[in-house]
Amino acid sequence: MQGFVIGIAGTSGSGKTTLITAMLPWFRSHGLSVNVVKHSHHPLELEPPTKDSARFRAAGANEVMVASPYRYAIVRELHGEKEPTLHEQLARLSPADLTLVEGFRSDAIPRIEVYRPAHGREPYYPRDPSILALVTDAPTDSRLPCLPLNDPTAVVLFILALRASRGFGREARPAPQLAAVAV
């Protein structure tokens, strides 16, 4: 069971990865386990082609596991198979209190959009009903809750309040109230 799943959306260069990276230490320090799923439209280069694991995949292995005392990774070659859905990818992960998803924009999950008006790109929120809040560095005309981009703790508290409102959470550590993050 993956617990609460929420997407972090935004155009390229908006700061999605930076925001996720800034929030992860807070979640961990407060005892929450968090998984992250990042979608890429590009081929993944996980190791140099000369490494043994890459050579195994190039020779035809479907999956290769690389394991050490510090971490392990499983790389699956699709060999022309259809790309797994977000739901299928989530099922492969270990259970967590929260899963943050960057990408998979066509999947029906709640999302927060990182939006920087100065970048000159159109935001997703006017056309995407899955977006429940904005994380931004400038005022907008949106009626959605707007959270400050330079305050990842405010975004964390919003996510925890949303998570609690959807029936996820721990009794021993109740999520802060949504009013605590008013901007």
Protein backbone atom coordinates (compact mmCIF):
# COMPACT_ATOMS: atom_id res chain seq x y z
CA MET A 1 0.00 0.00 0.00
CA GLN A 2 1.46 3.33 -1.06
CA GLY A 3 -0.37 5.60 1.33
CA PHE A 4 -1.17 9.02 -0.05
CA VAL A 5 -0.03 9.77 -3.61
CA ILE A 6 0.30 13.37 -4.81
CA GLY A 7 1.75 14.81 -7.98
CA ILE A 8 4.09 17.76 -8.27
CA ALA A 9 3.43 19.33 -11.67
CA GLY A 10 4.92 22.25 -13.55
CA THR A 11 6.63 23.15 -16.77
CA SER A 12 10.28 22.32 -17.36
CA GLY A 13 12.56 24.46 -15.22
CA SER A 14 9.83 25.58 -12.83
CA GLY A 15 11.49 24.03 -9.77
CA LYS A 16 9.61 20.76 -9.24
CA THR A 17 12.70 18.70 -8.46
CA THR A 18 14.16 21.45 -6.27
CA LEU A 19 10.90 21.60 -4.27
CA ILE A 20 10.73 17.83 -3.82
CA THR A 21 14.38 17.73 -2.76
CA ALA A 22 13.75 20.50 -0.21
CA MET A 23 10.70 18.71 1.28
CA LEU A 24 12.20 15.22 1.66
CA PRO A 25 14.41 15.98 4.70
CA TRP A 26 11.40 17.46 6.56
CA PHE A 27 9.27 14.37 5.94
CA ARG A 28 12.09 12.05 6.99
CA SER A 29 12.91 14.03 10.13
CA HIS A 30 9.24 13.79 11.16
CA GLY A 31 9.14 10.02 10.76
CA LEU A 32 7.34 9.76 7.44
CA SER A 33 8.53 7.39 4.75
CA VAL A 34 8.36 8.91 1.29
CA ASN A 35 8.75 7.38 -2.14
CA VAL A 36 9.31 9.48 -5.26
CA VAL A 37 8.37 8.50 -8.79
CA LYS A 38 9.86 10.61 -11.59
CA HIS A 39 8.80 10.12 -15.18
CA SER A 40 11.18 10.88 -18.01
CA HIS A 41 10.49 11.02 -21.72
CA HIS A 42 14.17 10.29 -22.40
CA PRO A 43 16.09 7.00 -22.30
CA LEU A 44 17.56 6.43 -18.83
CA GLU A 45 21.33 6.24 -18.56
CA LEU A 46 21.79 4.67 -15.12
CA GLU A 47 25.33 3.44 -15.50
CA PRO A 48 28.13 3.65 -18.04
CA PRO A 49 27.80 1.08 -20.84
CA THR A 50 31.04 -0.58 -19.70
CA LYS A 51 29.66 -1.59 -16.26
CA ASP A 52 28.72 -5.24 -15.79
CA SER A 53 25.05 -4.49 -15.19
CA ALA A 54 24.78 -2.50 -18.44
CA ARG A 55 26.53 -5.29 -20.29
CA PHE A 56 24.02 -7.83 -18.90
CA ARG A 57 21.12 -5.70 -20.14
CA ALA A 58 22.76 -5.17 -23.54
CA ALA A 59 23.21 -8.95 -23.81
CA GLY A 60 19.46 -9.48 -23.35
CA ALA A 61 18.58 -9.70 -19.65
CA ASN A 62 15.04 -8.52 -18.89
CA GLU A 63 15.91 -7.31 -15.40
CA VAL A 64 19.23 -6.72 -13.73
CA MET A 65 19.59 -6.12 -10.01
CA VAL A 66 22.66 -4.35 -8.70
CA ALA A 67 23.02 -4.75 -4.94
CA SER A 68 25.39 -3.44 -2.28
CA PRO A 69 25.29 -2.93 1.49
CA TYR A 70 24.10 0.64 0.82
CA ARG A 71 21.40 0.37 -1.86
CA TYR A 72 20.07 -1.75 -4.66
CA ALA A 73 18.52 -1.02 -8.01
CA ILE A 74 16.51 -3.07 -10.43
CA VAL A 75 16.65 -2.04 -14.06
CA ARG A 76 14.06 -3.56 -16.37
CA GLU A 77 14.44 -3.42 -20.12
CA LEU A 78 11.06 -3.13 -21.81
CA HIS A 79 12.23 -4.70 -25.11
CA GLY A 80 9.30 -3.09 -26.95
CA GLU A 81 6.72 -3.76 -24.23
CA LYS A 82 4.24 -1.01 -23.40
CA GLU A 83 5.47 1.42 -20.76
CA PRO A 84 3.99 0.49 -17.35
CA THR A 85 1.27 2.78 -16.02
CA LEU A 86 1.75 4.87 -12.90
CA HIS A 87 -0.46 2.41 -11.00
CA GLU A 88 1.78 -0.48 -12.10
CA GLN A 89 4.90 1.48 -11.13
CA LEU A 90 3.47 2.33 -7.69
CA ALA A 91 2.73 -1.36 -7.10
CA ARG A 92 6.45 -2.13 -7.49
CA LEU A 93 7.49 0.25 -4.72
CA SER A 94 7.85 -0.57 -1.05
CA PRO A 95 5.01 0.70 1.15
CA ALA A 96 5.35 4.35 2.21
CA ASP A 97 3.36 6.98 4.07
CA LEU A 98 3.50 9.27 1.06
CA THR A 99 4.51 9.05 -2.58
CA LEU A 100 5.41 12.15 -4.57
CA VAL A 101 5.02 11.85 -8.33
CA GLU A 102 6.75 14.09 -10.84
CA GLY A 103 5.32 13.51 -14.29
CA PHE A 104 2.56 11.07 -15.30
CA ARG A 105 0.35 14.14 -15.88
CA SER A 106 -2.44 12.16 -17.56
CA ASP A 107 -3.00 9.99 -14.46
CA ALA A 108 -5.85 10.91 -12.11
CA ILE A 109 -4.05 11.88 -8.91
CA PRO A 110 -4.22 15.11 -6.91
CA ARG A 111 -1.49 17.57 -7.85
CA ILE A 112 0.23 20.74 -6.78
CA GLU A 113 1.62 22.92 -9.56
CA VAL A 114 4.92 24.76 -9.29
CA TYR A 115 4.28 27.91 -11.31
CA ARG A 116 6.61 30.81 -12.02
CA PRO A 117 4.86 33.52 -14.06
CA ALA A 118 8.20 35.14 -14.96
CA HIS A 119 9.15 32.04 -16.99
CA GLY A 120 6.49 33.05 -19.51
CA ARG A 121 5.01 29.57 -19.86
CA GLU A 122 1.31 28.90 -19.58
CA PRO A 123 0.30 27.27 -16.29
CA TYR A 124 -1.53 23.95 -16.21
CA TYR A 125 -4.02 24.83 -13.46
CA PRO A 126 -6.65 26.62 -15.57
CA ARG A 127 -7.12 23.46 -17.70
CA ASP A 128 -6.24 20.73 -15.19
CA PRO A 129 -8.81 20.00 -12.47
CA SER A 130 -6.37 17.66 -10.68
CA ILE A 131 -4.35 20.70 -9.54
CA LEU A 132 -5.44 21.65 -6.03
CA ALA A 133 -2.88 24.35 -5.17
CA LEU A 134 -0.09 26.44 -6.62
CA VAL A 135 3.45 26.81 -5.36
CA THR A 136 4.61 30.11 -6.78
CA ASP A 137 7.03 33.00 -6.47
CA ALA A 138 4.55 35.69 -7.58
CA PRO A 139 0.91 36.67 -7.07
CA THR A 140 -1.59 35.02 -9.41
CA ASP A 141 -5.25 35.47 -10.23
CA SER A 142 -5.97 31.86 -9.28
CA ARG A 143 -8.59 30.99 -6.70
CA LEU A 144 -6.52 27.97 -5.71
CA PRO A 145 -4.47 28.08 -2.52
CA CYS A 146 -1.09 29.67 -3.30
CA LEU A 147 1.94 28.57 -1.33
CA PRO A 148 5.31 30.35 -1.33
CA LEU A 149 7.91 28.66 -3.49
CA ASN A 150 10.70 29.64 -1.08
CA ASP A 151 8.96 27.98 1.89
CA PRO A 152 8.96 24.19 1.42
CA THR A 153 7.65 23.71 4.96
CA ALA A 154 4.42 25.48 3.98
CA VAL A 155 4.07 23.08 1.07
CA VAL A 156 4.76 20.10 3.35
CA LEU A 157 2.08 21.26 5.79
CA PHE A 158 -0.41 21.69 2.94
CA ILE A 159 0.34 18.17 1.70
CA LEU A 160 -0.05 16.72 5.20
CA ALA A 161 -3.36 18.52 5.69
CA LEU A 162 -4.61 17.26 2.33
CA ARG A 163 -3.39 13.77 3.19
CA ALA A 164 -5.26 13.85 6.51
CA SER A 165 -8.43 15.18 4.84
CA ARG A 166 -8.35 12.16 2.50
CA GLY A 167 -8.21 9.69 5.40
CA PHE A 168 -4.48 9.04 5.53
CA GLY A 169 -2.30 9.75 8.52
CA ARG A 170 -1.20 8.57 11.91
CA GLU A 171 -3.08 9.01 15.12
CA ALA A 172 0.16 9.54 17.04
CA ARG A 173 1.21 12.43 14.83
CA PRO A 174 -1.81 14.32 13.53
CA ALA A 175 -1.34 16.45 10.45
CA PRO A 176 -1.34 20.22 10.98
CA GLN A 177 -4.51 22.08 10.07
CA LEU A 178 -4.76 23.67 6.66
CA ALA A 179 -5.06 27.12 8.25
CA ALA A 180 -1.46 26.76 9.41
CA VAL A 181 -0.29 27.27 5.84
CA ALA A 182 -2.41 30.24 4.80
CA VAL A 183 -0.40 32.55 2.60
